[in-house]
PDB file of all heavy atoms in Angstrom:
ATOM      1  N   ASP A   1       0.847  -1.181   0.000  1.00  0.00           N
ATOM      2  CA  ASP A   1       0.000   0.000   0.000  1.00  0.00           C
ATOM      3  C   ASP A   1       0.886   1.236   0.000  1.00  0.00           C
ATOM      4  O   ASP A   1       2.109   1.154   0.135  1.00  0.00           O
ATOM      5  CB  ASP A   1      -0.977   0.019   1.191  1.00  0.00           C
ATOM      6  CG  ASP A   1      -0.301  -0.275   2.526  1.00  0.00           C
ATOM      7  OD1 ASP A   1       0.938  -0.188   2.599  1.00  0.00           O
ATOM      8  OD2 ASP A   1      -1.003  -0.578   3.505  1.00  0.00           O
ATOM      9  N   VAL A   2       0.267   2.383  -0.156  1.00  0.00           N
ATOM     10  CA  VAL A   2       0.972   3.657  -0.138  1.00  0.00           C
ATOM     11  C   VAL A   2       0.002   4.708   0.387  1.00  0.00           C
ATOM     12  O   VAL A   2      -1.219   4.546   0.258  1.00  0.00           O
ATOM     13  CB  VAL A   2       1.510   4.026  -1.544  1.00  0.00           C
ATOM     14  CG1 VAL A   2       0.374   4.281  -2.509  1.00  0.00           C
ATOM     15  CG2 VAL A   2       2.445   5.220  -1.483  1.00  0.00           C
ATOM     16  N   PHE A   3       0.536   5.736   1.006  1.00  0.00           N
ATOM     17  CA  PHE A   3      -0.292   6.754   1.644  1.00  0.00           C
ATOM     18  C   PHE A   3       0.021   8.124   1.052  1.00  0.00           C
ATOM     19  O   PHE A   3       1.145   8.393   0.631  1.00  0.00           O
ATOM     20  CB  PHE A   3      -0.042   6.792   3.149  1.00  0.00           C
ATOM     21  CG  PHE A   3      -0.365   5.502   3.851  1.00  0.00           C
ATOM     22  CD1 PHE A   3       0.549   4.455   3.867  1.00  0.00           C
ATOM     23  CD2 PHE A   3      -1.573   5.329   4.508  1.00  0.00           C
ATOM     24  CE1 PHE A   3       0.259   3.261   4.513  1.00  0.00           C
ATOM     25  CE2 PHE A   3      -1.869   4.138   5.154  1.00  0.00           C
ATOM     26  CZ  PHE A   3      -0.949   3.108   5.154  1.00  0.00           C
ATOM     27  N   ALA A   4      -0.986   8.975   1.047  1.00  0.00           N
ATOM     28  CA  ALA A   4      -0.803  10.362   0.638  1.00  0.00           C
ATOM     29  C   ALA A   4      -1.384  11.263   1.721  1.00  0.00           C
ATOM     30  O   ALA A   4      -2.572  11.171   2.036  1.00  0.00           O
ATOM     31  CB  ALA A   4      -1.488  10.638  -0.700  1.00  0.00           C
ATOM     32  N   LEU A   5      -0.532  12.094   2.311  1.00  0.00           N
ATOM     33  CA  LEU A   5      -0.989  13.068   3.294  1.00  0.00           C
ATOM     34  C   LEU A   5      -1.531  14.290   2.568  1.00  0.00           C
ATOM     35  O   LEU A   5      -0.908  14.785   1.626  1.00  0.00           O
ATOM     36  CB  LEU A   5       0.157  13.484   4.210  1.00  0.00           C
ATOM     37  CG  LEU A   5       0.781  12.411   5.106  1.00  0.00           C
ATOM     38  CD1 LEU A   5       1.887  13.016   5.953  1.00  0.00           C
ATOM     39  CD2 LEU A   5      -0.272  11.775   5.992  1.00  0.00           C
ATOM     40  N   VAL A   6      -2.677  14.766   3.007  1.00  0.00           N
ATOM     41  CA  VAL A   6      -3.273  15.965   2.423  1.00  0.00           C
ATOM     42  C   VAL A   6      -2.773  17.162   3.223  1.00  0.00           C
ATOM     43  O   VAL A   6      -3.064  17.289   4.419  1.00  0.00           O
ATOM     44  CB  VAL A   6      -4.810  15.888   2.449  1.00  0.00           C
ATOM     45  CG1 VAL A   6      -5.403  17.158   1.873  1.00  0.00           C
ATOM     46  CG2 VAL A   6      -5.280  14.667   1.668  1.00  0.00           C
ATOM     47  N   LYS A   7      -2.026  18.033   2.568  1.00  0.00           N
ATOM     48  CA  LYS A   7      -1.431  19.190   3.237  1.00  0.00           C
ATOM     49  C   LYS A   7      -1.879  20.477   2.571  1.00  0.00           C
ATOM     50  O   LYS A   7      -2.466  20.473   1.498  1.00  0.00           O
ATOM     51  CB  LYS A   7       0.103  19.092   3.212  1.00  0.00           C
ATOM     52  CG  LYS A   7       0.673  17.923   4.002  1.00  0.00           C
ATOM     53  CD  LYS A   7       2.191  17.962   3.997  1.00  0.00           C
ATOM     54  CE  LYS A   7       2.777  16.882   4.902  1.00  0.00           C
ATOM     55  NZ  LYS A   7       4.268  16.962   4.937  1.00  0.00           N
ATOM     56  N   ARG A   8      -1.546  21.583   3.229  1.00  0.00           N
ATOM     57  CA  ARG A   8      -1.842  22.912   2.693  1.00  0.00           C
ATOM     58  C   ARG A   8      -0.572  23.751   2.696  1.00  0.00           C
ATOM     59  O   ARG A   8       0.275  23.600   3.570  1.00  0.00           O
ATOM     60  CB  ARG A   8      -2.918  23.611   3.529  1.00  0.00           C
ATOM     61  CG  ARG A   8      -4.264  22.906   3.502  1.00  0.00           C
ATOM     62  CD  ARG A   8      -4.952  23.050   2.153  1.00  0.00           C
ATOM     63  NE  ARG A   8      -6.154  22.227   2.075  1.00  0.00           N
ATOM     64  CZ  ARG A   8      -6.963  22.215   1.032  1.00  0.00           C
ATOM     65  NH1 ARG A   8      -6.697  22.970  -0.025  1.00  0.00           N
ATOM     66  NH2 ARG A   8      -8.040  21.453   1.017  1.00  0.00           N
ATOM     67  N   ALA A   9      -0.449  24.614   1.699  1.00  0.00           N
ATOM     68  CA  ALA A   9       0.715  25.479   1.573  1.00  0.00           C
ATOM     69  C   ALA A   9       0.268  26.893   1.241  1.00  0.00           C
ATOM     70  O   ALA A   9      -0.898  27.138   0.906  1.00  0.00           O
ATOM     71  CB  ALA A   9       1.658  24.946   0.499  1.00  0.00           C
ATOM     72  N   GLN A  10       1.197  27.821   1.329  1.00  0.00           N
ATOM     73  CA  GLN A  10       0.893  29.210   1.002  1.00  0.00           C
ATOM     74  C   GLN A  10       0.610  29.344  -0.495  1.00  0.00           C
ATOM     75  O   GLN A  10       1.240  28.690  -1.313  1.00  0.00           O
ATOM     76  CB  GLN A  10       2.072  30.114   1.382  1.00  0.00           C
ATOM     77  CG  GLN A  10       2.293  30.240   2.879  1.00  0.00           C
ATOM     78  CD  GLN A  10       1.172  30.997   3.574  1.00  0.00           C
ATOM     79  OE1 GLN A  10       0.536  31.861   2.972  1.00  0.00           O
ATOM     80  NE2 GLN A  10       0.926  30.682   4.841  1.00  0.00           N
ATOM     81  N   VAL A  11      -0.340  30.184  -0.828  1.00  0.00           N
ATOM     82  CA  VAL A  11      -0.659  30.437  -2.233  1.00  0.00           C
ATOM     83  C   VAL A  11       0.079  31.676  -2.716  1.00  0.00           C
ATOM     84  O   VAL A  11       0.489  32.529  -1.919  1.00  0.00           O
ATOM     85  CB  VAL A  11      -2.179  30.612  -2.444  1.00  0.00           C
ATOM     86  CG1 VAL A  11      -2.925  29.367  -2.022  1.00  0.00           C
ATOM     87  CG2 VAL A  11      -2.683  31.826  -1.664  1.00  0.00           C
ATOM     88  N   CYS A  12       0.267  31.759  -4.036  1.00  0.00           N
ATOM     89  CA  CYS A  12       0.901  32.906  -4.661  1.00  0.00           C
ATOM     90  C   CYS A  12       0.330  33.017  -6.071  1.00  0.00           C
ATOM     91  O   CYS A  12      -0.397  32.119  -6.516  1.00  0.00           O
ATOM     92  CB  CYS A  12       2.425  32.749  -4.679  1.00  0.00           C
ATOM     93  SG  CYS A  12       3.015  31.406  -5.732  1.00  0.00           S
ATOM     94  N   PRO A  13       0.625  34.076  -6.803  1.00  0.00           N
ATOM     95  CA  PRO A  13       0.046  34.218  -8.143  1.00  0.00           C
ATOM     96  C   PRO A  13       0.308  33.034  -9.070  1.00  0.00           C
ATOM     97  O   PRO A  13      -0.558  32.674  -9.872  1.00  0.00           O
ATOM     98  CB  PRO A  13       0.713  35.498  -8.668  1.00  0.00           C
ATOM     99  CG  PRO A  13       0.983  36.297  -7.437  1.00  0.00           C
ATOM    100  CD  PRO A  13       1.349  35.295  -6.379  1.00  0.00           C
ATOM    101  N   LEU A  14       1.485  32.410  -8.967  1.00  0.00           N
ATOM    102  CA  LEU A  14       1.784  31.269  -9.831  1.00  0.00           C
ATOM    103  C   LEU A  14       1.203  29.965  -9.293  1.00  0.00           C
ATOM    104  O   LEU A  14       1.020  29.010 -10.047  1.00  0.00           O
ATOM    105  CB  LEU A  14       3.299  31.123  -9.994  1.00  0.00           C
ATOM    106  CG  LEU A  14       4.000  32.197 -10.824  1.00  0.00           C
ATOM    107  CD1 LEU A  14       5.505  31.947 -10.857  1.00  0.00           C
ATOM    108  CD2 LEU A  14       3.445  32.251 -12.242  1.00  0.00           C
ATOM    109  N   LEU A  15       0.944  29.919  -7.987  1.00  0.00           N
ATOM    110  CA  LEU A  15       0.399  28.705  -7.353  1.00  0.00           C
ATOM    111  C   LEU A  15      -0.866  29.110  -6.593  1.00  0.00           C
ATOM    112  O   LEU A  15      -0.842  29.303  -5.380  1.00  0.00           O
ATOM    113  CB  LEU A  15       1.431  28.086  -6.408  1.00  0.00           C
ATOM    114  CG  LEU A  15       2.804  27.774  -7.009  1.00  0.00           C
ATOM    115  CD1 LEU A  15       3.776  27.330  -5.927  1.00  0.00           C
ATOM    116  CD2 LEU A  15       2.688  26.705  -8.092  1.00  0.00           C
ATOM    117  N   PRO A  16      -1.988  29.235  -7.304  1.00  0.00           N
ATOM    118  CA  PRO A  16      -3.195  29.794  -6.687  1.00  0.00           C
ATOM    119  C   PRO A  16      -3.942  28.856  -5.752  1.00  0.00           C
ATOM    120  O   PRO A  16      -4.877  29.281  -5.075  1.00  0.00           O
ATOM    121  CB  PRO A  16      -4.064  30.146  -7.896  1.00  0.00           C
ATOM    122  CG  PRO A  16      -3.640  29.170  -8.956  1.00  0.00           C
ATOM    123  CD  PRO A  16      -2.183  28.948  -8.743  1.00  0.00           C
ATOM    124  N   TYR A  17      -3.561  27.570  -5.710  1.00  0.00           N
ATOM    125  CA  TYR A  17      -4.265  26.611  -4.858  1.00  0.00           C
ATOM    126  C   TYR A  17      -3.331  26.050  -3.794  1.00  0.00           C
ATOM    127  O   TYR A  17      -2.167  25.751  -4.065  1.00  0.00           O
ATOM    128  CB  TYR A  17      -4.858  25.484  -5.704  1.00  0.00           C
ATOM    129  CG  TYR A  17      -5.916  25.981  -6.666  1.00  0.00           C
ATOM    130  CD1 TYR A  17      -5.647  26.121  -8.024  1.00  0.00           C
ATOM    131  CD2 TYR A  17      -7.178  26.338  -6.205  1.00  0.00           C
ATOM    132  CE1 TYR A  17      -6.615  26.602  -8.898  1.00  0.00           C
ATOM    133  CE2 TYR A  17      -8.149  26.825  -7.062  1.00  0.00           C
ATOM    134  CZ  TYR A  17      -7.860  26.958  -8.414  1.00  0.00           C
ATOM    135  OH  TYR A  17      -8.809  27.453  -9.268  1.00  0.00           O
ATOM    136  N   SER A  18      -3.849  25.878  -2.580  1.00  0.00           N
ATOM    137  CA  SER A  18      -3.015  25.492  -1.442  1.00  0.00           C
ATOM    138  C   SER A  18      -2.853  23.982  -1.289  1.00  0.00           C
ATOM    139  O   SER A  18      -1.986  23.530  -0.537  1.00  0.00           O
ATOM    140  CB  SER A  18      -3.607  26.062  -0.155  1.00  0.00           C
ATOM    141  OG  SER A  18      -4.899  25.514   0.088  1.00  0.00           O
ATOM    142  N   LEU A  19      -3.666  23.185  -1.973  1.00  0.00           N
ATOM    143  CA  LEU A  19      -3.647  21.737  -1.785  1.00  0.00           C
ATOM    144  C   LEU A  19      -2.324  21.125  -2.231  1.00  0.00           C
ATOM    145  O   LEU A  19      -1.842  21.383  -3.337  1.00  0.00           O
ATOM    146  CB  LEU A  19      -4.791  21.091  -2.579  1.00  0.00           C
ATOM    147  CG  LEU A  19      -4.854  19.564  -2.553  1.00  0.00           C
ATOM    148  CD1 LEU A  19      -5.102  19.050  -1.146  1.00  0.00           C
ATOM    149  CD2 LEU A  19      -5.931  19.060  -3.507  1.00  0.00           C
ATOM    150  N   ARG A  20      -1.724  20.303  -1.353  1.00  0.00           N
ATOM    151  CA  ARG A  20      -0.523  19.546  -1.679  1.00  0.00           C
ATOM    152  C   ARG A  20      -0.718  18.102  -1.202  1.00  0.00           C
ATOM    153  O   ARG A  20      -1.333  17.862  -0.171  1.00  0.00           O
ATOM    154  CB  ARG A  20       0.719  20.128  -0.997  1.00  0.00           C
ATOM    155  CG  ARG A  20       1.009  21.585  -1.299  1.00  0.00           C
ATOM    156  CD  ARG A  20       1.492  21.809  -2.723  1.00  0.00           C
ATOM    157  NE  ARG A  20       1.893  23.195  -2.915  1.00  0.00           N
ATOM    158  CZ  ARG A  20       1.066  24.178  -3.253  1.00  0.00           C
ATOM    159  NH1 ARG A  20      -0.223  23.930  -3.417  1.00  0.00           N
ATOM    160  NH2 ARG A  20       1.508  25.420  -3.406  1.00  0.00           N
ATOM    161  N   LEU A  21      -0.158  17.171  -1.962  1.00  0.00           N
ATOM    162  CA  LEU A  21      -0.177  15.761  -1.578  1.00  0.00           C
ATOM    163  C   LEU A  21       1.246  15.313  -1.273  1.00  0.00           C
ATOM    164  O   LEU A  21       2.157  15.560  -2.065  1.00  0.00           O
ATOM    165  CB  LEU A  21      -0.761  14.892  -2.699  1.00  0.00           C
ATOM    166  CG  LEU A  21      -2.217  15.171  -3.072  1.00  0.00           C
ATOM    167  CD1 LEU A  21      -2.640  14.285  -4.229  1.00  0.00           C
ATOM    168  CD2 LEU A  21      -3.137  14.986  -1.876  1.00  0.00           C
ATOM    169  N   HIS A  22       1.438  14.683  -0.134  1.00  0.00           N
ATOM    170  CA  HIS A  22       2.750  14.187   0.285  1.00  0.00           C
ATOM    171  C   HIS A  22       2.693  12.669   0.349  1.00  0.00           C
ATOM    172  O   HIS A  22       2.051  12.100   1.230  1.00  0.00           O
ATOM    173  CB  HIS A  22       3.122  14.759   1.652  1.00  0.00           C
ATOM    174  CG  HIS A  22       4.539  14.501   2.048  1.00  0.00           C
ATOM    175  ND1 HIS A  22       5.181  15.204   3.046  1.00  0.00           N
ATOM    176  CD2 HIS A  22       5.459  13.613   1.568  1.00  0.00           C
ATOM    177  CE1 HIS A  22       6.413  14.756   3.161  1.00  0.00           C
ATOM    178  NE2 HIS A  22       6.592  13.787   2.285  1.00  0.00           N
ATOM    179  N   LEU A  23       3.344  12.010  -0.606  1.00  0.00           N
ATOM    180  CA  LEU A  23       3.320  10.547  -0.658  1.00  0.00           C
ATOM    181  C   LEU A  23       4.224   9.966   0.432  1.00  0.00           C
ATOM    182  O   LEU A  23       5.364  10.396   0.601  1.00  0.00           O
ATOM    183  CB  LEU A  23       3.766  10.050  -2.030  1.00  0.00           C
ATOM    184  CG  LEU A  23       2.907  10.500  -3.218  1.00  0.00           C
ATOM    185  CD1 LEU A  23       3.390   9.843  -4.504  1.00  0.00           C
ATOM    186  CD2 LEU A  23       1.442  10.181  -2.975  1.00  0.00           C
ATOM    187  N   ILE A  24       3.690   8.981   1.155  1.00  0.00           N
ATOM    188  CA  ILE A  24       4.400   8.341   2.262  1.00  0.00           C
ATOM    189  C   ILE A  24       4.544   6.856   1.967  1.00  0.00           C
ATOM    190  O   ILE A  24       3.557   6.183   1.646  1.00  0.00           O
ATOM    191  CB  ILE A  24       3.632   8.531   3.590  1.00  0.00           C
ATOM    192  CG1 ILE A  24       3.508  10.017   3.932  1.00  0.00           C
ATOM    193  CG2 ILE A  24       4.329   7.786   4.725  1.00  0.00           C
ATOM    194  CD1 ILE A  24       4.798  10.707   4.234  1.00  0.00           C
TER     195      ILE A  24
END
């Protein structure tokens, strides 16, 4: 199996969405 942590990051004009996935 494999896991993905749902994280949030700062937004900026080039990255307008905060959603990030961290594979574990």
